[in-house]
Protein backbone atom coordinates (compact mmCIF):
# COMPACT_ATOMS: atom_id res chain seq x y z
CA MET A 1 100.38 80.68 181.59
CA ASN A 2 102.58 77.86 183.01
CA LEU A 3 105.50 77.43 181.01
CA LYS A 4 105.14 73.27 181.42
CA LYS A 5 101.91 74.16 178.90
CA PHE A 6 104.06 76.34 176.93
CA VAL A 7 104.70 74.96 173.43
CA ASN A 8 105.71 77.26 170.43
CA VAL A 9 104.33 75.48 166.95
CA ALA A 10 105.10 76.41 163.76
CA ALA A 11 103.13 75.24 160.60
CA VAL A 12 103.96 75.67 157.24
CA VAL A 13 101.75 75.26 154.60
CA SER A 14 102.78 75.09 151.00
CA LEU A 15 100.39 74.09 147.56
CA ALA A 16 102.05 71.83 145.23
CA THR A 17 101.51 72.11 141.40
CA LEU A 18 98.73 69.08 141.11
CA GLY A 19 96.59 70.76 144.06
CA SER A 20 98.07 68.49 146.74
CA VAL A 21 98.67 70.67 150.37
CA VAL A 22 101.85 69.58 152.39
CA VAL A 23 101.40 70.39 156.09
CA SER A 24 105.03 70.59 157.83
CA THR A 25 105.19 71.32 161.53
CA GLY A 26 107.84 71.50 164.03
CA ALA A 27 107.59 71.85 167.98
CA TYR A 28 109.85 72.59 170.97
CA ALA A 29 109.39 73.58 174.48
CA TYR A 30 111.91 74.82 177.02
CA ALA A 31 113.88 71.73 179.17
CA ALA A 32 111.57 70.72 182.01
CA PRO A 33 111.52 73.85 184.09
CA ARG A 34 112.53 73.90 187.74
CA ASN A 35 109.84 75.06 190.18
CA GLY A 36 111.08 78.67 191.93
CA GLY A 37 114.42 79.92 191.70
CA GLY A 38 117.57 78.28 192.35
CA HIS A 39 121.27 78.07 191.25
CA PHE A 40 122.32 78.93 187.34
CA ASP A 41 125.71 78.11 185.32
CA VAL A 42 125.30 78.68 181.79
CA SER A 43 127.95 78.86 179.58
CA ASP A 44 128.40 78.60 175.56
CA GLY A 45 132.59 78.12 175.80
CA SER A 46 133.29 82.18 175.32
CA ALA A 47 131.22 83.42 177.99
CA GLU A 48 129.76 81.81 181.19
CA VAL A 49 127.50 83.15 183.82
CA SER A 50 126.24 81.83 187.38
CA GLY A 51 124.40 83.01 190.07
CA THR A 52 121.17 82.35 191.95
CA LEU A 53 117.90 83.48 190.94
CA ASN A 54 114.94 84.36 193.39
CA PHE A 55 111.32 85.33 192.59
CA THR A 56 110.11 87.75 195.05
CA GLY A 57 106.72 88.36 193.83
CA ALA A 58 104.51 87.79 190.94
CA ARG A 59 106.28 90.28 188.75
CA THR A 60 109.89 90.50 190.34
CA PHE A 61 112.95 88.63 190.85
CA THR A 62 116.30 89.08 192.24
CA LEU A 63 119.68 87.68 190.68
CA SER A 64 122.16 87.47 193.61
CA ASN A 65 126.03 86.78 193.50
CA VAL A 66 126.28 86.93 189.83
CA ASP A 67 129.60 86.28 188.06
CA LEU A 68 129.99 86.94 184.06
CA THR A 69 133.50 85.54 182.94
CA ASP A 70 134.82 86.04 179.47
CA ARG A 71 136.33 82.58 178.75
CA ALA A 72 137.98 83.40 175.18
CA CYS A 73 140.60 85.80 173.82
CA ASP A 74 138.45 86.48 170.59
CA ALA A 75 137.84 90.47 171.27
CA ARG A 76 134.28 89.87 171.76
CA TYR A 77 132.58 90.99 175.09
CA ALA A 78 130.49 88.66 177.12
CA PHE A 79 126.98 89.65 178.25
CA PHE A 80 124.14 88.06 179.80
CA TYR A 81 120.07 88.98 180.31
CA ALA A 82 117.33 87.26 181.98
CA VAL A 83 114.57 86.35 179.23
CA ASP A 84 110.63 85.85 180.54
CA ASN A 85 107.18 84.91 178.82
CA VAL A 86 107.18 88.57 177.58
CA GLY A 87 110.85 89.54 176.41
CA HIS A 88 114.43 89.83 177.93
CA PHE A 89 115.28 92.77 180.97
CA ALA A 90 118.47 94.37 181.04
CA GLU A 91 121.81 93.49 179.50
CA HIS A 92 124.88 93.16 181.79
CA ARG A 93 127.93 93.08 180.03
CA ASN A 94 131.57 92.32 180.66
CA GLY A 95 134.13 93.93 178.59
CA ASN A 96 137.31 93.84 180.43
CA GLY A 97 138.77 91.11 178.03
CA CYS A 98 140.35 87.74 177.80
CA HIS A 99 139.66 85.67 181.23
CA THR A 100 137.95 88.39 183.18
CA THR A 101 135.26 87.90 185.67
CA ILE A 102 132.87 90.67 186.71
CA HIS A 103 130.76 90.20 189.84
CA TRP A 104 127.34 91.72 190.93
CA ASP A 105 125.96 91.25 194.40
CA SER A 106 122.50 91.46 193.62
CA LEU A 107 120.63 92.86 190.24
CA SER A 108 116.90 93.66 190.69
CA GLY A 109 114.23 92.96 187.58
CA GLY A 110 110.71 92.89 186.92
CA SER A 111 107.67 93.84 184.93
CA SER A 112 105.89 97.00 185.47
CA ALA A 113 102.72 97.55 186.52
CA GLY A 114 100.03 96.65 184.40
CA ASP A 115 102.53 94.12 182.45
CA PRO A 116 101.96 90.51 182.36
CA ASP A 117 103.46 88.60 185.31
CA VAL A 118 106.63 86.94 185.23
CA GLU A 119 105.91 83.56 184.65
CA TYR A 120 108.85 81.82 184.17
CA LEU A 121 112.17 83.15 183.54
CA TYR A 122 115.88 81.72 181.87
CA ILE A 123 119.29 83.16 181.83
CA HIS A 124 120.75 84.01 178.16
CA VAL A 125 124.46 84.04 177.64
CA GLN A 126 126.81 85.21 174.55
CA ALA A 127 129.53 86.88 173.48
CA CYS A 128 129.99 89.54 170.68
CA SER A 129 131.56 92.10 168.61
CA LEU A 130 130.71 94.14 165.28
CA THR A 131 134.12 92.69 163.79
CA SER A 132 133.81 89.13 164.71
CA GLY A 133 130.33 88.73 165.11
CA CYS A 134 128.81 86.57 168.28
CA SER A 135 129.34 83.21 169.83
CA GLY A 136 126.40 80.44 169.76
CA GLY A 137 124.86 81.58 173.21
CA ALA A 138 123.59 79.35 175.55
CA ASP A 139 120.53 79.56 177.90
CA SER A 140 119.83 78.04 181.22
CA PRO A 141 116.76 75.65 182.03
CA ALA A 142 113.70 77.71 182.67
CA PHE A 143 112.48 78.53 186.12
CA ASP A 144 108.64 78.67 186.97
CA ASN A 145 107.70 81.57 189.19
CA PRO A 146 105.80 79.57 192.34
CA ASN A 147 104.03 83.41 192.88
CA THR A 148 102.12 83.44 189.46
């Protein structure tokens, strides 16, 4: 499925007392996808992640030159993960505290044989703790996989 065609539609149907039917629909889609990989830089104010995405096959990708920064002094750890059309991949954390950055030269990911292709991917970043809850979180624009 191409992300450009992907729309999540929610429909609510309720019956009122006089037999009338009220139908309410809401729809959303991700921002216009970028074809192929590329640079991402995502921040929600408390956590920031930047790097480069490269699709290496229909089911595989690499994130390179990734920096995860804790932007706030609020006792929350910063984290990010990649999300595709099926779910999300491993979470990567920075628990080193206020204004610190963790760097990864290369992170590989992908779906297993028999699983659906990675049709698109976006990056989610957020900061959380058990005592102070979570920041708002932010998502990169989605990237379409040109190999699917």
